[in-house]
Amino acid sequence: MIAAIADTHTTIWYLFSDPRLGSGASASIDAAVSKGEHIGVSAITIVEIVYLMEKGRIPGSALADLRGATLDEAAVLRCIALDERIAMKMMEVPE
């Protein structure tokens, strides 16, 4: 089950254990892990990661790291198609 949708910054900061990941987002991810749920990563986040890699703003390994994390059945992140239902689910993510 998808518990919440992560935006691009949350996804990147989670992947790289960046201290900028807020306590609310961190708590939501931890709660999903403890319940065996998943955090969705939309296709637009993948597009944004490619753009940020091309601009040299994030590590060149970011896309491969995300792909590895979403393919790991034990990991919390899952790639999802972006549709209206998913976009509205983003409203549930704490700031």
PDB file of N, CA and C in Angstrom:
ATOM      1  N   MET A   1       0.836  -1.176   0.000  1.00  0.00           N
ATOM      2  CA  MET A   1       0.000   0.000   0.000  1.00  0.00           C
ATOM      3  C   MET A   1       0.890   1.252   0.000  1.00  0.00           C
ATOM      4  N   ILE A   2       0.495   2.239  -0.761  1.00  0.00           N
ATOM      5  CA  ILE A   2       1.204   3.517  -0.804  1.00  0.00           C
ATOM      6  C   ILE A   2       0.645   4.411   0.299  1.00  0.00           C
ATOM      7  N   ALA A   3       1.494   4.748   1.255  1.00  0.00           N
ATOM      8  CA  ALA A   3       1.064   5.567   2.397  1.00  0.00           C
ATOM      9  C   ALA A   3       1.102   7.053   2.083  1.00  0.00           C
ATOM     10  N   ALA A   4       2.038   7.471   1.225  1.00  0.00           N
ATOM     11  CA  ALA A   4       2.195   8.881   0.891  1.00  0.00           C
ATOM     12  C   ALA A   4       3.022   8.980  -0.383  1.00  0.00           C
ATOM     13  N   ILE A   5       3.071  10.177  -0.920  1.00  0.00           N
ATOM     14  CA  ILE A   5       3.860  10.449  -2.113  1.00  0.00           C
ATOM     15  C   ILE A   5       4.986  11.406  -1.728  1.00  0.00           C
ATOM     16  N   ALA A   6       6.203  11.077  -2.098  1.00  0.00           N
ATOM     17  CA  ALA A   6       7.353  11.933  -1.798  1.00  0.00           C
ATOM     18  C   ALA A   6       7.600  12.880  -2.965  1.00  0.00           C
ATOM     19  N   ASP A   7       7.876  14.132  -2.663  1.00  0.00           N
ATOM     20  CA  ASP A   7       8.266  15.051  -3.727  1.00  0.00           C
ATOM     21  C   ASP A   7       9.733  14.798  -4.080  1.00  0.00           C
ATOM     22  N   THR A   8      10.236  15.551  -5.041  1.00  0.00           N
ATOM     23  CA  THR A   8      11.596  15.318  -5.531  1.00  0.00           C
ATOM     24  C   THR A   8      12.645  15.539  -4.448  1.00  0.00           C
ATOM     25  N   HIS A   9      12.532  16.650  -3.723  1.00  0.00           N
ATOM     26  CA  HIS A   9      13.518  16.915  -2.677  1.00  0.00           C
ATOM     27  C   HIS A   9      13.489  15.823  -1.603  1.00  0.00           C
ATOM     28  N   THR A  10      12.317  15.444  -1.171  1.00  0.00           N
ATOM     29  CA  THR A  10      12.210  14.398  -0.153  1.00  0.00           C
ATOM     30  C   THR A  10      12.854  13.113  -0.641  1.00  0.00           C
ATOM     31  N   THR A  11      12.592  12.754  -1.876  1.00  0.00           N
ATOM     32  CA  THR A  11      13.157  11.527  -2.445  1.00  0.00           C
ATOM     33  C   THR A  11      14.684  11.591  -2.465  1.00  0.00           C
ATOM     34  N   ILE A  12      15.225  12.692  -2.968  1.00  0.00           N
ATOM     35  CA  ILE A  12      16.682  12.834  -3.047  1.00  0.00           C
ATOM     36  C   ILE A  12      17.296  12.851  -1.650  1.00  0.00           C
ATOM     37  N   TRP A  13      16.716  13.637  -0.764  1.00  0.00           N
ATOM     38  CA  TRP A  13      17.273  13.746   0.585  1.00  0.00           C
ATOM     39  C   TRP A  13      17.201  12.406   1.316  1.00  0.00           C
ATOM     40  N   TYR A  14      16.122  11.651   1.105  1.00  0.00           N
ATOM     41  CA  TYR A  14      16.012  10.324   1.721  1.00  0.00           C
ATOM     42  C   TYR A  14      17.080   9.385   1.157  1.00  0.00           C
ATOM     43  N   LEU A  15      17.214   9.375  -0.170  1.00  0.00           N
ATOM     44  CA  LEU A  15      18.185   8.488  -0.815  1.00  0.00           C
ATOM     45  C   LEU A  15      19.608   8.723  -0.318  1.00  0.00           C
ATOM     46  N   PHE A  16      19.954   9.986  -0.106  1.00  0.00           N
ATOM     47  CA  PHE A  16      21.324  10.328   0.257  1.00  0.00           C
ATOM     48  C   PHE A  16      21.481  10.667   1.737  1.00  0.00           C
ATOM     49  N   SER A  17      20.483  10.303   2.558  1.00  0.00           N
ATOM     50  CA  SER A  17      20.531  10.555   4.011  1.00  0.00           C
ATOM     51  C   SER A  17      20.927  11.997   4.316  1.00  0.00           C
ATOM     52  N   ASP A  18      20.331  12.909   3.575  1.00  0.00           N
ATOM     53  CA  ASP A  18      20.643  14.331   3.707  1.00  0.00           C
ATOM     54  C   ASP A  18      19.941  14.901   4.944  1.00  0.00           C
ATOM     55  N   PRO A  19      20.656  15.663   5.765  1.00  0.00           N
ATOM     56  CA  PRO A  19      20.050  16.232   6.977  1.00  0.00           C
ATOM     57  C   PRO A  19      18.948  17.247   6.695  1.00  0.00           C
ATOM     58  N   ARG A  20      18.801  17.681   5.443  1.00  0.00           N
ATOM     59  CA  ARG A  20      17.712  18.610   5.111  1.00  0.00           C
ATOM     60  C   ARG A  20      16.343  17.938   5.086  1.00  0.00           C
ATOM     61  N   LEU A  21      16.311  16.603   5.122  1.00  0.00           N
ATOM     62  CA  LEU A  21      15.034  15.904   5.184  1.00  0.00           C
ATOM     63  C   LEU A  21      14.364  16.278   6.492  1.00  0.00           C
ATOM     64  N   GLY A  22      13.202  16.897   6.412  1.00  0.00           N
ATOM     65  CA  GLY A  22      12.510  17.378   7.596  1.00  0.00           C
ATOM     66  C   GLY A  22      12.064  16.270   8.525  1.00  0.00           C
ATOM     67  N   SER A  23      11.841  16.636   9.777  1.00  0.00           N
ATOM     68  CA  SER A  23      11.432  15.639  10.776  1.00  0.00           C
ATOM     69  C   SER A  23      10.056  15.060  10.459  1.00  0.00           C
ATOM     70  N   GLY A  24       9.155  15.872   9.895  1.00  0.00           N
ATOM     71  CA  GLY A  24       7.828  15.364   9.525  1.00  0.00           C
ATOM     72  C   GLY A  24       7.907  14.336   8.419  1.00  0.00           C
ATOM     73  N   ALA A  25       8.685  14.648   7.384  1.00  0.00           N
ATOM     74  CA  ALA A  25       8.852  13.704   6.272  1.00  0.00           C
ATOM     75  C   ALA A  25       9.559  12.447   6.739  1.00  0.00           C
ATOM     76  N   SER A  26      10.588  12.628   7.553  1.00  0.00           N
ATOM     77  CA  SER A  26      11.324  11.476   8.084  1.00  0.00           C
ATOM     78  C   SER A  26      10.411  10.579   8.916  1.00  0.00           C
ATOM     79  N   ALA A  27       9.579  11.198   9.749  1.00  0.00           N
ATOM     80  CA  ALA A  27       8.646  10.432  10.582  1.00  0.00           C
ATOM     81  C   ALA A  27       7.628   9.689   9.725  1.00  0.00           C
ATOM     82  N   SER A  28       7.154  10.318   8.653  1.00  0.00           N
ATOM     83  CA  SER A  28       6.199   9.655   7.753  1.00  0.00           C
ATOM     84  C   SER A  28       6.818   8.446   7.075  1.00  0.00           C
ATOM     85  N   ILE A  29       8.056   8.600   6.637  1.00  0.00           N
ATOM     86  CA  ILE A  29       8.751   7.485   5.989  1.00  0.00           C
ATOM     87  C   ILE A  29       8.989   6.363   6.994  1.00  0.00           C
ATOM     88  N   ASP A  30       9.437   6.713   8.189  1.00  0.00           N
ATOM     89  CA  ASP A  30       9.661   5.706   9.236  1.00  0.00           C
ATOM     90  C   ASP A  30       8.374   4.969   9.588  1.00  0.00           C
ATOM     91  N   ALA A  31       7.267   5.706   9.657  1.00  0.00           N
ATOM     92  CA  ALA A  31       5.974   5.085   9.962  1.00  0.00           C
ATOM     93  C   ALA A  31       5.565   4.116   8.859  1.00  0.00           C
ATOM     94  N   ALA A  32       5.789   4.498   7.607  1.00  0.00           N
ATOM     95  CA  ALA A  32       5.474   3.605   6.495  1.00  0.00           C
ATOM     96  C   ALA A  32       6.302   2.337   6.560  1.00  0.00           C
ATOM     97  N   VAL A  33       7.589   2.486   6.859  1.00  0.00           N
ATOM     98  CA  VAL A  33       8.478   1.318   6.984  1.00  0.00           C
ATOM     99  C   VAL A  33       7.968   0.395   8.075  1.00  0.00           C
ATOM    100  N   SER A  34       7.621   0.958   9.233  1.00  0.00           N
ATOM    101  CA  SER A  34       7.193   0.128  10.362  1.00  0.00           C
ATOM    102  C   SER A  34       5.876  -0.592  10.096  1.00  0.00           C
ATOM    103  N   LYS A  35       5.044  -0.028   9.228  1.00  0.00           N
ATOM    104  CA  LYS A  35       3.758  -0.657   8.888  1.00  0.00           C
ATOM    105  C   LYS A  35       3.844  -1.543   7.654  1.00  0.00           C
ATOM    106  N   GLY A  36       5.030  -1.612   7.042  1.00  0.00           N
ATOM    107  CA  GLY A  36       5.177  -2.405   5.820  1.00  0.00           C
ATOM    108  C   GLY A  36       4.546  -1.727   4.610  1.00  0.00           C
ATOM    109  N   GLU A  37       4.354  -0.411   4.693  1.00  0.00           N
ATOM    110  CA  GLU A  37       3.774   0.347   3.585  1.00  0.00           C
ATOM    111  C   GLU A  37       4.889   0.944   2.736  1.00  0.00           C
ATOM    112  N   HIS A  38       4.490   1.637   1.686  1.00  0.00           N
ATOM    113  CA  HIS A  38       5.461   2.218   0.770  1.00  0.00           C
ATOM    114  C   HIS A  38       5.217   3.711   0.594  1.00  0.00           C
ATOM    115  N   ILE A  39       6.271   4.391   0.165  1.00  0.00           N
ATOM    116  CA  ILE A  39       6.203   5.801  -0.197  1.00  0.00           C
ATOM    117  C   ILE A  39       6.323   5.863  -1.715  1.00  0.00           C
ATOM    118  N   GLY A  40       5.367   6.496  -2.352  1.00  0.00           N
ATOM    119  CA  GLY A  40       5.375   6.592  -3.802  1.00  0.00           C
ATOM    120  C   GLY A  40       6.308   7.670  -4.312  1.00  0.00           C
ATOM    121  N   VAL A  41       6.925   7.376  -5.432  1.00  0.00           N
ATOM    122  CA  VAL A  41       7.768   8.327  -6.147  1.00  0.00           C
ATOM    123  C   VAL A  41       7.184   8.422  -7.553  1.00  0.00           C
ATOM    124  N   SER A  42       6.717   9.609  -7.920  1.00  0.00           N
ATOM    125  CA  SER A  42       6.047   9.754  -9.208  1.00  0.00           C
ATOM    126  C   SER A  42       7.042   9.862 -10.359  1.00  0.00           C
ATOM    127  N   ALA A  43       6.528   9.647 -11.545  1.00  0.00           N
ATOM    128  CA  ALA A  43       7.346   9.740 -12.744  1.00  0.00           C
ATOM    129  C   ALA A  43       7.933  11.134 -12.912  1.00  0.00           C
ATOM    130  N   ILE A  44       7.233  12.177 -12.477  1.00  0.00           N
ATOM    131  CA  ILE A  44       7.759  13.533 -12.608  1.00  0.00           C
ATOM    132  C   ILE A  44       9.024  13.696 -11.765  1.00  0.00           C
ATOM    133  N   THR A  45       9.104  12.998 -10.643  1.00  0.00           N
ATOM    134  CA  THR A  45      10.316  13.047  -9.821  1.00  0.00           C
ATOM    135  C   THR A  45      11.492  12.457 -10.589  1.00  0.00           C
ATOM    136  N   ILE A  46      11.256  11.400 -11.331  1.00  0.00           N
ATOM    137  CA  ILE A  46      12.322  10.798 -12.133  1.00  0.00           C
ATOM    138  C   ILE A  46      12.806  11.800 -13.181  1.00  0.00           C
ATOM    139  N   VAL A  47      11.867  12.481 -13.830  1.00  0.00           N
ATOM    140  CA  VAL A  47      12.226  13.496 -14.822  1.00  0.00           C
ATOM    141  C   VAL A  47      13.045  14.604 -14.163  1.00  0.00           C
ATOM    142  N   GLU A  48      12.619  15.062 -12.999  1.00  0.00           N
ATOM    143  CA  GLU A  48      13.339  16.125 -12.299  1.00  0.00           C
ATOM    144  C   GLU A  48      14.733  15.678 -11.862  1.00  0.00           C
ATOM    145  N   ILE A  49      14.865  14.424 -11.456  1.00  0.00           N
ATOM    146  CA  ILE A  49      16.179  13.902 -11.070  1.00  0.00           C
ATOM    147  C   ILE A  49      17.121  13.896 -12.275  1.00  0.00           C
ATOM    148  N   VAL A  50      16.629  13.484 -13.425  1.00  0.00           N
ATOM    149  CA  VAL A  50      17.452  13.515 -14.632  1.00  0.00           C
ATOM    150  C   VAL A  50      17.901  14.949 -14.909  1.00  0.00           C
ATOM    151  N   TYR A  51      16.989  15.895 -14.831  1.00  0.00           N
ATOM    152  CA  TYR A  51      17.319  17.298 -15.059  1.00  0.00           C
ATOM    153  C   TYR A  51      18.381  17.785 -14.065  1.00  0.00           C
ATOM    154  N   LEU A  52      18.198  17.479 -12.790  1.00  0.00           N
ATOM    155  CA  LEU A  52      19.148  17.920 -11.762  1.00  0.00           C
ATOM    156  C   LEU A  52      20.521  17.274 -11.946  1.00  0.00           C
ATOM    157  N   MET A  53      20.538  16.027 -12.390  1.00  0.00           N
ATOM    158  CA  MET A  53      21.812  15.367 -12.681  1.00  0.00           C
ATOM    159  C   MET A  53      22.507  16.068 -13.851  1.00  0.00           C
ATOM    160  N   GLU A  54      21.744  16.371 -14.905  1.00  0.00           N
ATOM    161  CA  GLU A  54      22.311  17.042 -16.074  1.00  0.00           C
ATOM    162  C   GLU A  54      22.891  18.403 -15.710  1.00  0.00           C
ATOM    163  N   LYS A  55      22.275  19.079 -14.758  1.00  0.00           N
ATOM    164  CA  LYS A  55      22.734  20.400 -14.318  1.00  0.00           C
ATOM    165  C   LYS A  55      23.852  20.300 -13.285  1.00  0.00           C
ATOM    166  N   GLY A  56      24.196  19.075 -12.868  1.00  0.00           N
ATOM    167  CA  GLY A  56      25.258  18.876 -11.896  1.00  0.00           C
ATOM    168  C   GLY A  56      24.865  19.281 -10.477  1.00  0.00           C
ATOM    169  N   ARG A  57      23.572  19.344 -10.205  1.00  0.00           N
ATOM    170  CA  ARG A  57      23.113  19.775  -8.888  1.00  0.00           C
ATOM    171  C   ARG A  57      22.966  18.635  -7.897  1.00  0.00           C
ATOM    172  N   ILE A  58      22.928  17.407  -8.405  1.00  0.00           N
ATOM    173  CA  ILE A  58      22.881  16.216  -7.548  1.00  0.00           C
ATOM    174  C   ILE A  58      23.851  15.198  -8.121  1.00  0.00           C
ATOM    175  N   PRO A  59      24.243  14.200  -7.322  1.00  0.00           N
ATOM    176  CA  PRO A  59      25.195  13.198  -7.811  1.00  0.00           C
ATOM    177  C   PRO A  59      24.708  12.493  -9.077  1.00  0.00           C
ATOM    178  N   GLY A  60      25.644  12.192  -9.948  1.00  0.00           N
ATOM    179  CA  GLY A  60      25.327  11.490 -11.186  1.00  0.00           C
ATOM    180  C   GLY A  60      24.768  10.101 -10.969  1.00  0.00           C
ATOM    181  N   SER A  61      24.906   9.586  -9.758  1.00  0.00           N
ATOM    182  CA  SER A  61      24.397   8.247  -9.428  1.00  0.00           C
ATOM    183  C   SER A  61      22.939   8.275  -8.961  1.00  0.00           C
ATOM    184  N   ALA A  62      22.345   9.455  -8.857  1.00  0.00           N
ATOM    185  CA  ALA A  62      21.014   9.577  -8.240  1.00  0.00           C
ATOM    186  C   ALA A  62      19.955   8.712  -8.913  1.00  0.00           C
ATOM    187  N   LEU A  63      19.915   8.715 -10.234  1.00  0.00           N
ATOM    188  CA  LEU A  63      18.896   7.931 -10.934  1.00  0.00           C
ATOM    189  C   LEU A  63      19.112   6.436 -10.718  1.00  0.00           C
ATOM    190  N   ALA A  64      20.346   5.983 -10.800  1.00  0.00           N
ATOM    191  CA  ALA A  64      20.641   4.563 -10.559  1.00  0.00           C
ATOM    192  C   ALA A  64      20.335   4.199  -9.111  1.00  0.00           C
ATOM    193  N   ASP A  65      20.639   5.104  -8.182  1.00  0.00           N
ATOM    194  CA  ASP A  65      20.329   4.850  -6.773  1.00  0.00           C
ATOM    195  C   ASP A  65      18.820   4.745  -6.556  1.00  0.00           C
ATOM    196  N   LEU A  66      18.070   5.646  -7.186  1.00  0.00           N
ATOM    197  CA  LEU A  66      16.615   5.592  -7.063  1.00  0.00           C
ATOM    198  C   LEU A  66      16.073   4.307  -7.674  1.00  0.00           C
ATOM    199  N   ARG A  67      16.570   3.967  -8.839  1.00  0.00           N
ATOM    200  CA  ARG A  67      16.120   2.736  -9.513  1.00  0.00           C
ATOM    201  C   ARG A  67      16.394   1.515  -8.641  1.00  0.00           C
ATOM    202  N   GLY A  68      17.576   1.457  -8.056  1.00  0.00           N
ATOM    203  CA  GLY A  68      17.905   0.347  -7.166  1.00  0.00           C
ATOM    204  C   GLY A  68      16.988   0.302  -5.956  1.00  0.00           C
ATOM    205  N   ALA A  69      16.693   1.472  -5.403  1.00  0.00           N
ATOM    206  CA  ALA A  69      15.841   1.524  -4.215  1.00  0.00           C
ATOM    207  C   ALA A  69      14.398   1.144  -4.529  1.00  0.00           C
ATOM    208  N   THR A  70      13.908   1.497  -5.701  1.00  0.00           N
ATOM    209  CA  THR A  70      12.515   1.179  -6.020  1.00  0.00           C
ATOM    210  C   THR A  70      12.331  -0.257  -6.484  1.00  0.00           C
ATOM    211  N   LEU A  71      13.392  -0.883  -6.948  1.00  0.00           N
ATOM    212  CA  LEU A  71      13.293  -2.281  -7.371  1.00  0.00           C
ATOM    213  C   LEU A  71      13.484  -3.261  -6.218  1.00  0.00           C
ATOM    214  N   ASP A  72      14.028  -2.778  -5.120  1.00  0.00           N
ATOM    215  CA  ASP A  72      14.254  -3.616  -3.938  1.00  0.00           C
ATOM    216  C   ASP A  72      12.921  -3.825  -3.221  1.00  0.00           C
ATOM    217  N   GLU A  73      12.457  -5.062  -3.195  1.00  0.00           N
ATOM    218  CA  GLU A  73      11.163  -5.371  -2.578  1.00  0.00           C
ATOM    219  C   GLU A  73      11.099  -4.979  -1.101  1.00  0.00           C
ATOM    220  N   ALA A  74      12.237  -4.951  -0.437  1.00  0.00           N
ATOM    221  CA  ALA A  74      12.266  -4.618   0.988  1.00  0.00           C
ATOM    222  C   ALA A  74      12.320  -3.107   1.232  1.00  0.00           C
ATOM    223  N   ALA A  75      12.562  -2.333   0.192  1.00  0.00           N
ATOM    224  CA  ALA A  75      12.705  -0.882   0.344  1.00  0.00           C
ATOM    225  C   ALA A  75      11.343  -0.200   0.408  1.00  0.00           C
ATOM    226  N   VAL A  76      11.336   0.986   0.967  1.00  0.00           N
ATOM    227  CA  VAL A  76      10.092   1.725   1.173  1.00  0.00           C
ATOM    228  C   VAL A  76       9.629   2.473  -0.079  1.00  0.00           C
ATOM    229  N   LEU A  77      10.547   2.858  -0.954  1.00  0.00           N
ATOM    230  CA  LEU A  77      10.181   3.658  -2.128  1.00  0.00           C
ATOM    231  C   LEU A  77       9.639   2.792  -3.255  1.00  0.00           C
ATOM    232  N   ARG A  78       8.609   3.304  -3.937  1.00  0.00           N
ATOM    233  CA  ARG A  78       8.013   2.627  -5.088  1.00  0.00           C
ATOM    234  C   ARG A  78       7.708   3.650  -6.162  1.00  0.00           C
ATOM    235  N   CYS A  79       8.123   3.387  -7.401  1.00  0.00           N
ATOM    236  CA  CYS A  79       7.750   4.256  -8.516  1.00  0.00           C
ATOM    237  C   CYS A  79       6.282   4.029  -8.846  1.00  0.00           C
ATOM    238  N   ILE A  80       5.595   5.123  -9.090  1.00  0.00           N
ATOM    239  CA  ILE A  80       4.172   5.044  -9.399  1.00  0.00           C
ATOM    240  C   ILE A  80       3.844   5.962 -10.567  1.00  0.00           C
ATOM    241  N   ALA A  81       2.776   5.642 -11.253  1.00  0.00           N
ATOM    242  CA  ALA A  81       2.276   6.523 -12.306  1.00  0.00           C
ATOM    243  C   ALA A  81       1.600   7.724 -11.642  1.00  0.00           C
ATOM    244  N   LEU A  82       1.771   8.877 -12.232  1.00  0.00           N
ATOM    245  CA  LEU A  82       1.167  10.082 -11.679  1.00  0.00           C
ATOM    246  C   LEU A  82      -0.194  10.304 -12.322  1.00  0.00           C
ATOM    247  N   ASP A  83      -1.220  10.300 -11.491  1.00  0.00           N
ATOM    248  CA  ASP A  83      -2.561  10.612 -11.959  1.00  0.00           C
ATOM    249  C   ASP A  83      -3.226  11.514 -10.913  1.00  0.00           C
ATOM    250  N   GLU A  84      -4.452  11.892 -11.147  1.00  0.00           N
ATOM    251  CA  GLU A  84      -5.116  12.825 -10.233  1.00  0.00           C
ATOM    252  C   GLU A  84      -5.226  12.264  -8.818  1.00  0.00           C
ATOM    253  N   ARG A  85      -5.542  10.996  -8.689  1.00  0.00           N
ATOM    254  CA  ARG A  85      -5.667  10.380  -7.367  1.00  0.00           C
ATOM    255  C   ARG A  85      -4.349  10.467  -6.606  1.00  0.00           C
ATOM    256  N   ILE A  86      -3.271  10.177  -7.299  1.00  0.00           N
ATOM    257  CA  ILE A  86      -1.954  10.236  -6.678  1.00  0.00           C
ATOM    258  C   ILE A  86      -1.590  11.681  -6.339  1.00  0.00           C
ATOM    259  N   ALA A  87      -1.862  12.606  -7.253  1.00  0.00           N
ATOM    260  CA  ALA A  87      -1.561  14.015  -6.998  1.00  0.00           C
ATOM    261  C   ALA A  87      -2.302  14.502  -5.752  1.00  0.00           C
ATOM    262  N   MET A  88      -3.531  14.102  -5.561  1.00  0.00           N
ATOM    263  CA  MET A  88      -4.303  14.519  -4.392  1.00  0.00           C
ATOM    264  C   MET A  88      -3.762  13.874  -3.111  1.00  0.00           C
ATOM    265  N   LYS A  89      -3.193  12.701  -3.221  1.00  0.00           N
ATOM    266  CA  LYS A  89      -2.599  12.015  -2.061  1.00  0.00           C
ATOM    267  C   LYS A  89      -1.423  12.810  -1.503  1.00  0.00           C
ATOM    268  N   MET A  90      -0.791  13.620  -2.355  1.00  0.00           N
ATOM    269  CA  MET A  90       0.329  14.427  -1.912  1.00  0.00           C
ATOM    270  C   MET A  90      -0.076  15.422  -0.826  1.00  0.00           C
ATOM    271  N   MET A  91      -1.327  15.760  -0.772  1.00  0.00           N
ATOM    272  CA  MET A  91      -1.812  16.693   0.257  1.00  0.00           C
ATOM    273  C   MET A  91      -1.671  16.119   1.655  1.00  0.00           C
ATOM    274  N   GLU A  92      -1.494  14.812   1.784  1.00  0.00           N
ATOM    275  CA  GLU A  92      -1.384  14.164   3.078  1.00  0.00           C
ATOM    276  C   GLU A  92       0.030  14.176   3.641  1.00  0.00           C
ATOM    277  N   VAL A  93       1.003  14.591   2.836  1.00  0.00           N
ATOM    278  CA  VAL A  93       2.394  14.598   3.276  1.00  0.00           C
ATOM    279  C   VAL A  93       2.634  15.845   4.139  1.00  0.00           C
ATOM    280  N   PRO A  94       3.138  15.652   5.369  1.00  0.00           N
ATOM    281  CA  PRO A  94       3.435  16.818   6.222  1.00  0.00           C
ATOM    282  C   PRO A  94       4.515  17.688   5.570  1.00  0.00           C
ATOM    283  N   GLU A  95       4.419  18.990   5.783  1.00  0.00           N
ATOM    284  CA  GLU A  95       5.431  19.902   5.230  1.00  0.00           C
ATOM    285  C   GLU A  95       6.749  19.730   5.926  1.00  0.00           C
TER     286      GLU A  95
END
